[in-house]
N, C-alpha and C. Protein backbone atom coordinates (compact mmCIF):
# COMPACT_ATOMS: atom_id res chain seq x y z
N MET A 1 112.21 -0.11 77.18
CA MET A 1 112.01 1.25 76.62
C MET A 1 112.14 1.21 75.10
N ASP A 2 112.84 0.28 74.55
CA ASP A 2 112.98 0.23 73.10
C ASP A 2 111.67 -0.03 72.40
N SER A 3 110.77 -0.76 73.01
CA SER A 3 109.50 -1.04 72.38
C SER A 3 108.67 0.25 72.23
N LEU A 4 108.82 1.23 73.13
CA LEU A 4 108.11 2.44 73.03
C LEU A 4 108.57 3.32 71.88
N ASN A 5 109.85 3.14 71.43
CA ASN A 5 110.31 3.92 70.28
C ASN A 5 109.69 3.50 68.98
N ILE A 6 109.08 2.31 68.90
CA ILE A 6 108.49 1.82 67.72
C ILE A 6 107.06 2.39 67.55
N ILE A 7 106.42 2.64 68.64
CA ILE A 7 105.03 3.12 68.61
C ILE A 7 104.94 4.60 68.18
N ASP A 8 104.04 4.90 67.26
CA ASP A 8 103.79 6.25 66.84
C ASP A 8 102.55 6.73 67.59
N PHE A 9 102.78 7.40 68.73
CA PHE A 9 101.72 7.82 69.61
C PHE A 9 100.89 8.95 68.93
N THR A 10 101.53 9.78 68.14
CA THR A 10 100.77 10.84 67.46
C THR A 10 99.77 10.30 66.49
N LYS A 11 100.16 9.26 65.72
CA LYS A 11 99.23 8.63 64.84
C LYS A 11 98.10 7.95 65.54
N LEU A 12 98.41 7.25 66.63
CA LEU A 12 97.38 6.63 67.45
C LEU A 12 96.41 7.62 68.01
N ALA A 13 96.91 8.78 68.46
CA ALA A 13 96.08 9.81 69.03
C ALA A 13 95.13 10.37 67.98
N SER A 14 95.56 10.50 66.75
CA SER A 14 94.70 11.05 65.72
C SER A 14 93.56 10.08 65.34
N GLN A 15 93.71 8.80 65.65
CA GLN A 15 92.70 7.81 65.37
C GLN A 15 91.67 7.64 66.50
N GLN A 16 91.96 8.24 67.66
CA GLN A 16 91.10 8.07 68.84
C GLN A 16 89.84 8.92 68.76
N LYS A 17 88.72 8.41 69.29
CA LYS A 17 87.50 9.13 69.41
C LYS A 17 87.42 9.87 70.76
N SER A 18 87.98 9.21 71.76
CA SER A 18 87.94 9.76 73.15
C SER A 18 88.99 10.90 73.29
N ILE A 19 88.55 12.03 73.73
CA ILE A 19 89.46 13.18 73.98
C ILE A 19 90.46 12.80 75.08
N GLN A 20 89.99 12.12 76.14
CA GLN A 20 90.88 11.78 77.23
C GLN A 20 92.00 10.85 76.80
N MET A 21 91.65 9.83 76.01
CA MET A 21 92.70 8.93 75.51
C MET A 21 93.65 9.62 74.50
N LYS A 22 93.09 10.54 73.72
CA LYS A 22 93.88 11.32 72.77
C LYS A 22 94.97 12.13 73.52
N MET A 23 94.53 12.79 74.61
CA MET A 23 95.45 13.59 75.40
C MET A 23 96.56 12.77 76.05
N ARG A 24 96.18 11.54 76.52
CA ARG A 24 97.17 10.68 77.13
C ARG A 24 98.20 10.23 76.12
N LEU A 25 97.78 9.87 74.90
CA LEU A 25 98.72 9.47 73.89
C LEU A 25 99.59 10.65 73.40
N LEU A 26 99.02 11.80 73.34
CA LEU A 26 99.88 12.96 72.95
C LEU A 26 100.88 13.28 74.04
N ALA A 27 100.53 13.06 75.32
CA ALA A 27 101.48 13.24 76.43
C ALA A 27 102.63 12.25 76.31
N LEU A 28 102.32 10.98 75.96
CA LEU A 28 103.36 9.98 75.78
C LEU A 28 104.27 10.32 74.64
N ALA A 29 103.71 10.85 73.57
CA ALA A 29 104.51 11.25 72.40
C ALA A 29 105.47 12.39 72.82
N HIS A 30 104.98 13.29 73.65
CA HIS A 30 105.75 14.41 74.18
C HIS A 30 106.95 13.91 75.00
N PHE A 31 106.67 12.94 75.89
CA PHE A 31 107.74 12.38 76.72
C PHE A 31 108.75 11.60 75.84
N LYS A 32 108.25 10.90 74.83
CA LYS A 32 109.12 10.11 74.02
C LYS A 32 110.09 11.03 73.23
N ASP A 33 109.65 12.23 72.89
CA ASP A 33 110.51 13.16 72.22
C ASP A 33 111.59 13.75 73.09
N GLY A 34 111.51 13.44 74.41
CA GLY A 34 112.56 13.92 75.35
C GLY A 34 112.14 15.12 76.14
N HIS A 35 110.92 15.59 76.02
CA HIS A 35 110.43 16.68 76.81
C HIS A 35 109.96 16.19 78.16
N SER A 36 110.01 17.10 79.14
CA SER A 36 109.62 16.64 80.50
C SER A 36 108.16 16.94 80.78
N ARG A 37 107.72 18.19 80.65
CA ARG A 37 106.30 18.49 80.88
C ARG A 37 105.79 19.50 79.87
């Protein structure tokens, strides 16, 4: 789980062209911040 703390999902999402992948990365960022849904 420590390796997930290093990744900036929000930055990765902003670089994506695919809307579907962008939403997945933003969801991971949301979970990483401690939110559930």
